[in-house]
Amino acid sequence: MSRRKEKENELLSFLNEEERKAYEEFEAKLKAKRDVAVKRQKQEMAFWKKVDEREEEVYQHILENRKKRQVEQSVQVQSVNPIEQNAGNVATYYSEQNNG
């Protein structure tokens, strides 16, 4: 018997029936949560293993998406610049009108 199990049995010997039942229910809930966490961890490990196996394909996909985002961002910046330029022209025009 494991040392943990021995200590648990020693603890249970001091508890009355109601306390023992509550403790066992609590332990069952904890075990269920641990089981879910272990399952999730195994799924995550399996996912990253697949990613590692397809490393070159994943890397290419990331590069393609990065290039698309960069192109989209440069298009947005180019479309904003004429607006800023027009705003600057308007400000210059009004300052010339007021000063001239």
PDB file of N, CA and C in Angstrom:
ATOM      1  N   MET A   1       0.843  -1.177   0.000  1.00  0.00           N
ATOM      2  CA  MET A   1       0.000   0.000   0.000  1.00  0.00           C
ATOM      3  C   MET A   1       0.888   1.240   0.000  1.00  0.00           C
ATOM      4  N   SER A   2       0.483   2.223  -0.771  1.00  0.00           N
ATOM      5  CA  SER A   2       1.288   3.433  -0.869  1.00  0.00           C
ATOM      6  C   SER A   2       1.208   4.242   0.422  1.00  0.00           C
ATOM      7  N   ARG A   3       2.191   5.075   0.582  1.00  0.00           N
ATOM      8  CA  ARG A   3       2.273   5.888   1.798  1.00  0.00           C
ATOM      9  C   ARG A   3       1.085   6.846   1.883  1.00  0.00           C
ATOM     10  N   ARG A   4       0.684   7.399   0.736  1.00  0.00           N
ATOM     11  CA  ARG A   4      -0.453   8.315   0.710  1.00  0.00           C
ATOM     12  C   ARG A   4      -1.727   7.591   1.124  1.00  0.00           C
ATOM     13  N   LYS A   5      -1.908   6.403   0.613  1.00  0.00           N
ATOM     14  CA  LYS A   5      -3.106   5.619   0.928  1.00  0.00           C
ATOM     15  C   LYS A   5      -3.136   5.258   2.416  1.00  0.00           C
ATOM     16  N   GLU A   6      -1.976   4.954   2.987  1.00  0.00           N
ATOM     17  CA  GLU A   6      -1.898   4.654   4.424  1.00  0.00           C
ATOM     18  C   GLU A   6      -2.336   5.854   5.256  1.00  0.00           C
ATOM     19  N   LYS A   7      -1.850   7.037   4.883  1.00  0.00           N
ATOM     20  CA  LYS A   7      -2.220   8.252   5.613  1.00  0.00           C
ATOM     21  C   LYS A   7      -3.709   8.548   5.451  1.00  0.00           C
ATOM     22  N   GLU A   8      -4.213   8.304   4.252  1.00  0.00           N
ATOM     23  CA  GLU A   8      -5.635   8.529   4.005  1.00  0.00           C
ATOM     24  C   GLU A   8      -6.481   7.582   4.867  1.00  0.00           C
ATOM     25  N   ASN A   9      -6.094   6.334   4.938  1.00  0.00           N
ATOM     26  CA  ASN A   9      -6.836   5.372   5.765  1.00  0.00           C
ATOM     27  C   ASN A   9      -6.762   5.749   7.238  1.00  0.00           C
ATOM     28  N   GLU A  10      -5.621   6.244   7.667  1.00  0.00           N
ATOM     29  CA  GLU A  10      -5.467   6.680   9.058  1.00  0.00           C
ATOM     30  C   GLU A  10      -6.402   7.849   9.349  1.00  0.00           C
ATOM     31  N   LEU A  11      -6.478   8.775   8.409  1.00  0.00           N
ATOM     32  CA  LEU A  11      -7.386   9.913   8.549  1.00  0.00           C
ATOM     33  C   LEU A  11      -8.831   9.437   8.608  1.00  0.00           C
ATOM     34  N   LEU A  12      -9.190   8.541   7.709  1.00  0.00           N
ATOM     35  CA  LEU A  12     -10.565   8.060   7.652  1.00  0.00           C
ATOM     36  C   LEU A  12     -10.974   7.335   8.934  1.00  0.00           C
ATOM     37  N   SER A  13     -10.023   6.730   9.615  1.00  0.00           N
ATOM     38  CA  SER A  13     -10.354   6.013  10.852  1.00  0.00           C
ATOM     39  C   SER A  13     -10.815   6.969  11.952  1.00  0.00           C
ATOM     40  N   PHE A  14     -10.421   8.230  11.891  1.00  0.00           N
ATOM     41  CA  PHE A  14     -10.828   9.210  12.890  1.00  0.00           C
ATOM     42  C   PHE A  14     -12.142   9.906  12.548  1.00  0.00           C
ATOM     43  N   LEU A  15     -12.609   9.731  11.328  1.00  0.00           N
ATOM     44  CA  LEU A  15     -13.830  10.406  10.909  1.00  0.00           C
ATOM     45  C   LEU A  15     -15.049   9.536  11.179  1.00  0.00           C
ATOM     46  N   ASN A  16     -16.164  10.207  11.449  1.00  0.00           N
ATOM     47  CA  ASN A  16     -17.401   9.452  11.585  1.00  0.00           C
ATOM     48  C   ASN A  16     -17.949   9.165  10.182  1.00  0.00           C
ATOM     49  N   GLU A  17     -19.045   8.423  10.126  1.00  0.00           N
ATOM     50  CA  GLU A  17     -19.587   7.974   8.836  1.00  0.00           C
ATOM     51  C   GLU A  17     -19.952   9.140   7.916  1.00  0.00           C
ATOM     52  N   GLU A  18     -20.573  10.166   8.469  1.00  0.00           N
ATOM     53  CA  GLU A  18     -20.988  11.320   7.669  1.00  0.00           C
ATOM     54  C   GLU A  18     -19.771  12.075   7.116  1.00  0.00           C
ATOM     55  N   GLU A  19     -18.771  12.289   7.959  1.00  0.00           N
ATOM     56  CA  GLU A  19     -17.557  12.972   7.519  1.00  0.00           C
ATOM     57  C   GLU A  19     -16.805  12.146   6.469  1.00  0.00           C
ATOM     58  N   ARG A  20     -16.773  10.848   6.660  1.00  0.00           N
ATOM     59  CA  ARG A  20     -16.097   9.956   5.714  1.00  0.00           C
ATOM     60  C   ARG A  20     -16.779  10.026   4.344  1.00  0.00           C
ATOM     61  N   LYS A  21     -18.115  10.036   4.362  1.00  0.00           N
ATOM     62  CA  LYS A  21     -18.864  10.115   3.115  1.00  0.00           C
ATOM     63  C   LYS A  21     -18.581  11.442   2.403  1.00  0.00           C
ATOM     64  N   ALA A  22     -18.575  12.540   3.153  1.00  0.00           N
ATOM     65  CA  ALA A  22     -18.289  13.856   2.576  1.00  0.00           C
ATOM     66  C   ALA A  22     -16.876  13.885   1.994  1.00  0.00           C
ATOM     67  N   TYR A  23     -15.926  13.302   2.721  1.00  0.00           N
ATOM     68  CA  TYR A  23     -14.542  13.262   2.242  1.00  0.00           C
ATOM     69  C   TYR A  23     -14.443  12.452   0.944  1.00  0.00           C
ATOM     70  N   GLU A  24     -15.092  11.313   0.896  1.00  0.00           N
ATOM     71  CA  GLU A  24     -15.040  10.467  -0.300  1.00  0.00           C
ATOM     72  C   GLU A  24     -15.700  11.143  -1.502  1.00  0.00           C
ATOM     73  N   GLU A  25     -16.784  11.882  -1.277  1.00  0.00           N
ATOM     74  CA  GLU A  25     -17.421  12.636  -2.361  1.00  0.00           C
ATOM     75  C   GLU A  25     -16.488  13.731  -2.873  1.00  0.00           C
ATOM     76  N   PHE A  26     -15.838  14.396  -1.913  1.00  0.00           N
ATOM     77  CA  PHE A  26     -14.888  15.442  -2.281  1.00  0.00           C
ATOM     78  C   PHE A  26     -13.741  14.851  -3.103  1.00  0.00           C
ATOM     79  N   GLU A  27     -13.202  13.745  -2.676  1.00  0.00           N
ATOM     80  CA  GLU A  27     -12.117  13.079  -3.406  1.00  0.00           C
ATOM     81  C   GLU A  27     -12.570  12.640  -4.798  1.00  0.00           C
ATOM     82  N   ALA A  28     -13.803  12.177  -4.907  1.00  0.00           N
ATOM     83  CA  ALA A  28     -14.327  11.761  -6.212  1.00  0.00           C
ATOM     84  C   ALA A  28     -14.409  12.962  -7.165  1.00  0.00           C
ATOM     85  N   LYS A  29     -14.854  14.102  -6.637  1.00  0.00           N
ATOM     86  CA  LYS A  29     -14.920  15.314  -7.467  1.00  0.00           C
ATOM     87  C   LYS A  29     -13.523  15.745  -7.916  1.00  0.00           C
ATOM     88  N   LEU A  30     -12.568  15.705  -6.995  1.00  0.00           N
ATOM     89  CA  LEU A  30     -11.198  16.066  -7.351  1.00  0.00           C
ATOM     90  C   LEU A  30     -10.628  15.126  -8.407  1.00  0.00           C
ATOM     91  N   LYS A  31     -10.907  13.828  -8.257  1.00  0.00           N
ATOM     92  CA  LYS A  31     -10.416  12.853  -9.225  1.00  0.00           C
ATOM     93  C   LYS A  31     -11.012  13.124 -10.602  1.00  0.00           C
ATOM     94  N   ALA A  32     -12.297  13.453 -10.651  1.00  0.00           N
ATOM     95  CA  ALA A  32     -12.942  13.761 -11.926  1.00  0.00           C
ATOM     96  C   ALA A  32     -12.294  14.981 -12.576  1.00  0.00           C
ATOM     97  N   LYS A  33     -12.006  16.009 -11.779  1.00  0.00           N
ATOM     98  CA  LYS A  33     -11.351  17.210 -12.309  1.00  0.00           C
ATOM     99  C   LYS A  33      -9.947  16.886 -12.802  1.00  0.00           C
ATOM    100  N   ARG A  34      -9.218  16.059 -12.052  1.00  0.00           N
ATOM    101  CA  ARG A  34      -7.875  15.663 -12.485  1.00  0.00           C
ATOM    102  C   ARG A  34      -7.940  14.889 -13.786  1.00  0.00           C
ATOM    103  N   ASP A  35      -8.915  13.990 -13.884  1.00  0.00           N
ATOM    104  CA  ASP A  35      -9.064  13.194 -15.104  1.00  0.00           C
ATOM    105  C   ASP A  35      -9.336  14.085 -16.316  1.00  0.00           C
ATOM    106  N   VAL A  36     -10.191  15.091 -16.145  1.00  0.00           N
ATOM    107  CA  VAL A  36     -10.486  16.030 -17.232  1.00  0.00           C
ATOM    108  C   VAL A  36      -9.218  16.791 -17.610  1.00  0.00           C
ATOM    109  N   ALA A  37      -8.463  17.241 -16.612  1.00  0.00           N
ATOM    110  CA  ALA A  37      -7.234  18.000 -16.879  1.00  0.00           C
ATOM    111  C   ALA A  37      -6.208  17.133 -17.603  1.00  0.00           C
ATOM    112  N   VAL A  38      -6.085  15.888 -17.194  1.00  0.00           N
ATOM    113  CA  VAL A  38      -5.136  14.980 -17.847  1.00  0.00           C
ATOM    114  C   VAL A  38      -5.558  14.725 -19.289  1.00  0.00           C
ATOM    115  N   LYS A  39      -6.850  14.548 -19.510  1.00  0.00           N
ATOM    116  CA  LYS A  39      -7.355  14.327 -20.867  1.00  0.00           C
ATOM    117  C   LYS A  39      -7.063  15.540 -21.743  1.00  0.00           C
ATOM    118  N   ARG A  40      -7.318  16.732 -21.221  1.00  0.00           N
ATOM    119  CA  ARG A  40      -7.059  17.964 -21.965  1.00  0.00           C
ATOM    120  C   ARG A  40      -5.567  18.097 -22.278  1.00  0.00           C
ATOM    121  N   GLN A  41      -4.735  17.773 -21.304  1.00  0.00           N
ATOM    122  CA  GLN A  41      -3.292  17.861 -21.495  1.00  0.00           C
ATOM    123  C   GLN A  41      -2.823  16.880 -22.576  1.00  0.00           C
ATOM    124  N   LYS A  42      -3.375  15.675 -22.568  1.00  0.00           N
ATOM    125  CA  LYS A  42      -3.012  14.692 -23.587  1.00  0.00           C
ATOM    126  C   LYS A  42      -3.451  15.153 -24.968  1.00  0.00           C
ATOM    127  N   GLN A  43      -4.630  15.754 -25.060  1.00  0.00           N
ATOM    128  CA  GLN A  43      -5.099  16.280 -26.345  1.00  0.00           C
ATOM    129  C   GLN A  43      -4.193  17.396 -26.838  1.00  0.00           C
ATOM    130  N   GLU A  44      -3.778  18.270 -25.934  1.00  0.00           N
ATOM    131  CA  GLU A  44      -2.889  19.359 -26.314  1.00  0.00           C
ATOM    132  C   GLU A  44      -1.539  18.827 -26.778  1.00  0.00           C
ATOM    133  N   MET A  45      -1.020  17.834 -26.081  1.00  0.00           N
ATOM    134  CA  MET A  45       0.250  17.237 -26.474  1.00  0.00           C
ATOM    135  C   MET A  45       0.134  16.575 -27.845  1.00  0.00           C
ATOM    136  N   ALA A  46      -0.982  15.905 -28.101  1.00  0.00           N
ATOM    137  CA  ALA A  46      -1.205  15.277 -29.405  1.00  0.00           C
ATOM    138  C   ALA A  46      -1.280  16.337 -30.506  1.00  0.00           C
ATOM    139  N   PHE A  47      -1.939  17.463 -30.211  1.00  0.00           N
ATOM    140  CA  PHE A  47      -2.037  18.549 -31.181  1.00  0.00           C
ATOM    141  C   PHE A  47      -0.648  19.070 -31.543  1.00  0.00           C
ATOM    142  N   TRP A  48       0.170  19.367 -30.525  1.00  0.00           N
ATOM    143  CA  TRP A  48       1.492  19.921 -30.803  1.00  0.00           C
ATOM    144  C   TRP A  48       2.393  18.894 -31.480  1.00  0.00           C
ATOM    145  N   LYS A  49       2.168  17.631 -31.211  1.00  0.00           N
ATOM    146  CA  LYS A  49       2.926  16.590 -31.904  1.00  0.00           C
ATOM    147  C   LYS A  49       2.595  16.616 -33.400  1.00  0.00           C
ATOM    148  N   LYS A  50       1.300  16.775 -33.729  1.00  0.00           N
ATOM    149  CA  LYS A  50       0.904  16.877 -35.136  1.00  0.00           C
ATOM    150  C   LYS A  50       1.501  18.118 -35.777  1.00  0.00           C
ATOM    151  N   VAL A  51       1.517  19.224 -35.032  1.00  0.00           N
ATOM    152  CA  VAL A  51       2.106  20.454 -35.557  1.00  0.00           C
ATOM    153  C   VAL A  51       3.589  20.228 -35.844  1.00  0.00           C
ATOM    154  N   ASP A  52       4.277  19.579 -34.922  1.00  0.00           N
ATOM    155  CA  ASP A  52       5.700  19.294 -35.127  1.00  0.00           C
ATOM    156  C   ASP A  52       5.924  18.409 -36.349  1.00  0.00           C
ATOM    157  N   GLU A  53       5.043  17.444 -36.551  1.00  0.00           N
ATOM    158  CA  GLU A  53       5.181  16.550 -37.691  1.00  0.00           C
ATOM    159  C   GLU A  53       4.981  17.298 -39.008  1.00  0.00           C
ATOM    160  N   ARG A  54       4.161  18.327 -38.983  1.00  0.00           N
ATOM    161  CA  ARG A  54       3.865  19.100 -40.188  1.00  0.00           C
ATOM    162  C   ARG A  54       4.512  20.491 -40.111  1.00  0.00           C
ATOM    163  N   GLU A  55       5.679  20.549 -39.517  1.00  0.00           N
ATOM    164  CA  GLU A  55       6.347  21.808 -39.222  1.00  0.00           C
ATOM    165  C   GLU A  55       6.516  22.696 -40.456  1.00  0.00           C
ATOM    166  N   GLU A  56       7.024  22.145 -41.539  1.00  0.00           N
ATOM    167  CA  GLU A  56       7.270  22.951 -42.733  1.00  0.00           C
ATOM    168  C   GLU A  56       5.968  23.515 -43.303  1.00  0.00           C
ATOM    169  N   GLU A  57       4.931  22.692 -43.333  1.00  0.00           N
ATOM    170  CA  GLU A  57       3.632  23.142 -43.843  1.00  0.00           C
ATOM    171  C   GLU A  57       3.054  24.257 -42.966  1.00  0.00           C
ATOM    172  N   VAL A  58       3.155  24.080 -41.666  1.00  0.00           N
ATOM    173  CA  VAL A  58       2.652  25.085 -40.726  1.00  0.00           C
ATOM    174  C   VAL A  58       3.443  26.387 -40.868  1.00  0.00           C
ATOM    175  N   TYR A  59       4.755  26.258 -41.003  1.00  0.00           N
ATOM    176  CA  TYR A  59       5.601  27.438 -41.156  1.00  0.00           C
ATOM    177  C   TYR A  59       5.232  28.214 -42.417  1.00  0.00           C
ATOM    178  N   GLN A  60       5.012  27.517 -43.506  1.00  0.00           N
ATOM    179  CA  GLN A  60       4.623  28.166 -44.751  1.00  0.00           C
ATOM    180  C   GLN A  60       3.270  28.868 -44.605  1.00  0.00           C
ATOM    181  N   HIS A  61       2.343  28.220 -43.922  1.00  0.00           N
ATOM    182  CA  HIS A  61       1.025  28.814 -43.686  1.00  0.00           C
ATOM    183  C   HIS A  61       1.153  30.114 -42.885  1.00  0.00           C
ATOM    184  N   ILE A  62       1.984  30.091 -41.865  1.00  0.00           N
ATOM    185  CA  ILE A  62       2.191  31.285 -41.041  1.00  0.00           C
ATOM    186  C   ILE A  62       2.800  32.405 -41.880  1.00  0.00           C
ATOM    187  N   LEU A  63       3.791  32.073 -42.700  1.00  0.00           N
ATOM    188  CA  LEU A  63       4.421  33.086 -43.542  1.00  0.00           C
ATOM    189  C   LEU A  63       3.432  33.696 -44.526  1.00  0.00           C
ATOM    190  N   GLU A  64       2.597  32.859 -45.136  1.00  0.00           N
ATOM    191  CA  GLU A  64       1.599  33.362 -46.083  1.00  0.00           C
ATOM    192  C   GLU A  64       0.629  34.319 -45.397  1.00  0.00           C
ATOM    193  N   ASN A  65       0.146  33.932 -44.224  1.00  0.00           N
ATOM    194  CA  ASN A  65      -0.780  34.808 -43.491  1.00  0.00           C
ATOM    195  C   ASN A  65      -0.107  36.111 -43.077  1.00  0.00           C
ATOM    196  N   ARG A  66       1.154  36.034 -42.688  1.00  0.00           N
ATOM    197  CA  ARG A  66       1.884  37.236 -42.295  1.00  0.00           C
ATOM    198  C   ARG A  66       2.015  38.183 -43.488  1.00  0.00           C
ATOM    199  N   LYS A  67       2.322  37.634 -44.657  1.00  0.00           N
ATOM    200  CA  LYS A  67       2.445  38.455 -45.859  1.00  0.00           C
ATOM    201  C   LYS A  67       1.110  39.113 -46.203  1.00  0.00           C
ATOM    202  N   LYS A  68       0.014  38.352 -46.089  1.00  0.00           N
ATOM    203  CA  LYS A  68      -1.312  38.913 -46.377  1.00  0.00           C
ATOM    204  C   LYS A  68      -1.624  40.067 -45.434  1.00  0.00           C
ATOM    205  N   ARG A  69      -1.330  39.891 -44.148  1.00  0.00           N
ATOM    206  CA  ARG A  69      -1.589  40.952 -43.169  1.00  0.00           C
ATOM    207  C   ARG A  69      -0.748  42.191 -43.463  1.00  0.00           C
ATOM    208  N   GLN A  70       0.497  41.985 -43.842  1.00  0.00           N
ATOM    209  CA  GLN A  70       1.364  43.115 -44.155  1.00  0.00           C
ATOM    210  C   GLN A  70       0.837  43.884 -45.362  1.00  0.00           C
ATOM    211  N   VAL A  71       0.372  43.149 -46.376  1.00  0.00           N
ATOM    212  CA  VAL A  71      -0.191  43.806 -47.559  1.00  0.00           C
ATOM    213  C   VAL A  71      -1.445  44.583 -47.178  1.00  0.00           C
ATOM    214  N   GLU A  72      -2.321  43.981 -46.377  1.00  0.00           N
ATOM    215  CA  GLU A  72      -3.544  44.656 -45.944  1.00  0.00           C
ATOM    216  C   GLU A  72      -3.218  45.911 -45.137  1.00  0.00           C
ATOM    217  N   GLN A  73      -2.230  45.813 -44.262  1.00  0.00           N
ATOM    218  CA  GLN A  73      -1.855  46.963 -43.443  1.00  0.00           C
ATOM    219  C   GLN A  73      -1.274  48.077 -44.304  1.00  0.00           C
ATOM    220  N   SER A  74      -0.467  47.728 -45.296  1.00  0.00           N
ATOM    221  CA  SER A  74       0.114  48.764 -46.155  1.00  0.00           C
ATOM    222  C   SER A  74      -0.964  49.435 -46.990  1.00  0.00           C
ATOM    223  N   VAL A  75      -1.983  48.679 -47.421  1.00  0.00           N
ATOM    224  CA  VAL A  75      -3.100  49.260 -48.171  1.00  0.00           C
ATOM    225  C   VAL A  75      -3.875  50.215 -47.279  1.00  0.00           C
ATOM    226  N   GLN A  76      -4.090  49.844 -46.030  1.00  0.00           N
ATOM    227  CA  GLN A  76      -4.805  50.718 -45.103  1.00  0.00           C
ATOM    228  C   GLN A  76      -4.019  51.999 -44.843  1.00  0.00           C
ATOM    229  N   VAL A  77      -2.719  51.884 -44.687  1.00  0.00           N
ATOM    230  CA  VAL A  77      -1.886  53.059 -44.436  1.00  0.00           C
ATOM    231  C   VAL A  77      -1.917  53.972 -45.649  1.00  0.00           C
ATOM    232  N   GLN A  78      -1.846  53.407 -46.853  1.00  0.00           N
ATOM    233  CA  GLN A  78      -1.879  54.215 -48.061  1.00  0.00           C
ATOM    234  C   GLN A  78      -3.217  54.920 -48.224  1.00  0.00           C
ATOM    235  N   SER A  79      -4.296  54.276 -47.823  1.00  0.00           N
ATOM    236  CA  SER A  79      -5.605  54.909 -47.951  1.00  0.00           C
ATOM    237  C   SER A  79      -5.811  55.986 -46.897  1.00  0.00           C
ATOM    238  N   VAL A  80      -5.135  55.898 -45.769  1.00  0.00           N
ATOM    239  CA  VAL A  80      -5.255  56.906 -44.719  1.00  0.00           C
ATOM    240  C   VAL A  80      -4.409  58.124 -45.060  1.00  0.00           C
ATOM    241  N   ASN A  81      -3.272  57.924 -45.674  1.00  0.00           N
ATOM    242  CA  ASN A  81      -2.369  59.038 -45.957  1.00  0.00           C
ATOM    243  C   ASN A  81      -2.998  60.133 -46.803  1.00  0.00           C
ATOM    244  N   PRO A  82      -3.739  59.853 -47.893  1.00  0.00           N
ATOM    245  CA  PRO A  82      -4.367  60.960 -48.644  1.00  0.00           C
ATOM    246  C   PRO A  82      -5.341  61.762 -47.800  1.00  0.00           C
ATOM    247  N   ILE A  83      -6.032  61.120 -46.910  1.00  0.00           N
ATOM    248  CA  ILE A  83      -6.960  61.838 -46.032  1.00  0.00           C
ATOM    249  C   ILE A  83      -6.179  62.782 -45.130  1.00  0.00           C
ATOM    250  N   GLU A  84      -5.085  62.278 -44.555  1.00  0.00           N
ATOM    251  CA  GLU A  84      -4.265  63.137 -43.700  1.00  0.00           C
ATOM    252  C   GLU A  84      -3.663  64.276 -44.512  1.00  0.00           C
ATOM    253  N   GLN A  85      -3.257  63.968 -45.732  1.00  0.00           N
ATOM    254  CA  GLN A  85      -2.677  64.992 -46.593  1.00  0.00           C
ATOM    255  C   GLN A  85      -3.715  66.068 -46.917  1.00  0.00           C
ATOM    256  N   ASN A  86      -4.948  65.658 -47.237  1.00  0.00           N
ATOM    257  CA  ASN A  86      -6.012  66.616 -47.515  1.00  0.00           C
ATOM    258  C   ASN A  86      -6.313  67.485 -46.298  1.00  0.00           C
ATOM    259  N   ALA A  87      -6.302  66.870 -45.125  1.00  0.00           N
ATOM    260  CA  ALA A  87      -6.541  67.632 -43.900  1.00  0.00           C
ATOM    261  C   ALA A  87      -5.448  68.671 -43.718  1.00  0.00           C
ATOM    262  N   GLY A  88      -4.214  68.287 -44.012  1.00  0.00           N
ATOM    263  CA  GLY A  88      -3.099  69.230 -43.918  1.00  0.00           C
ATOM    264  C   GLY A  88      -3.239  70.351 -44.921  1.00  0.00           C
ATOM    265  N   ASN A  89      -3.680  70.027 -46.147  1.00  0.00           N
ATOM    266  CA  ASN A  89      -3.875  71.046 -47.182  1.00  0.00           C
ATOM    267  C   ASN A  89      -4.960  72.037 -46.775  1.00  0.00           C
ATOM    268  N   VAL A  90      -6.032  71.520 -46.188  1.00  0.00           N
ATOM    269  CA  VAL A  90      -7.126  72.384 -45.746  1.00  0.00           C
ATOM    270  C   VAL A  90      -6.637  73.313 -44.639  1.00  0.00           C
ATOM    271  N   ALA A  91      -5.868  72.778 -43.704  1.00  0.00           N
ATOM    272  CA  ALA A  91      -5.350  73.605 -42.615  1.00  0.00           C
ATOM    273  C   ALA A  91      -4.427  74.683 -43.167  1.00  0.00           C
ATOM    274  N   THR A  92      -3.590  74.326 -44.127  1.00  0.00           N
ATOM    275  CA  THR A  92      -2.689  75.295 -44.735  1.00  0.00           C
ATOM    276  C   THR A  92      -3.483  76.371 -45.454  1.00  0.00           C
ATOM    277  N   TYR A  93      -4.506  75.990 -46.194  1.00  0.00           N
ATOM    278  CA  TYR A  93      -5.337  76.931 -46.936  1.00  0.00           C
ATOM    279  C   TYR A  93      -5.980  77.948 -45.999  1.00  0.00           C
ATOM    280  N   TYR A  94      -6.566  77.444 -44.904  1.00  0.00           N
ATOM    281  CA  TYR A  94      -7.235  78.351 -43.980  1.00  0.00           C
ATOM    282  C   TYR A  94      -6.249  79.266 -43.269  1.00  0.00           C
ATOM    283  N   SER A  95      -5.070  78.752 -42.961  1.00  0.00           N
ATOM    284  CA  SER A  95      -4.098  79.625 -42.280  1.00  0.00           C
ATOM    285  C   SER A  95      -3.608  80.705 -43.243  1.00  0.00           C
ATOM    286  N   GLU A  96      -3.491  80.370 -44.533  1.00  0.00           N
ATOM    287  CA  GLU A  96      -3.086  81.376 -45.521  1.00  0.00           C
ATOM    288  C   GLU A  96      -4.198  82.426 -45.697  1.00  0.00           C
ATOM    289  N   GLN A  97      -5.449  81.981 -45.679  1.00  0.00           N
ATOM    290  CA  GLN A  97      -6.567  82.898 -45.826  1.00  0.00           C
ATOM    291  C   GLN A  97      -6.633  83.874 -44.649  1.00  0.00           C
ATOM    292  N   ASN A  98      -6.397  83.322 -43.458  1.00  0.00           N
ATOM    293  CA  ASN A  98      -6.500  84.154 -42.249  1.00  0.00           C
ATOM    294  C   ASN A  98      -5.284  85.101 -42.118  1.00  0.00           C
ATOM    295  N   ASN A  99      -4.138  84.676 -42.566  1.00  0.00           N
ATOM    296  CA  ASN A  99      -2.932  85.494 -42.436  1.00  0.00           C
ATOM    297  C   ASN A  99      -2.740  86.426 -43.633  1.00  0.00           C
ATOM    298  N   GLY A 100      -3.359  86.112 -44.742  1.00  0.00           N
ATOM    299  CA  GLY A 100      -3.098  86.850 -45.954  1.00  0.00           C
ATOM    300  C   GLY A 100      -4.076  87.881 -46.228  1.00  0.00           C
TER     301      GLY A 100
END
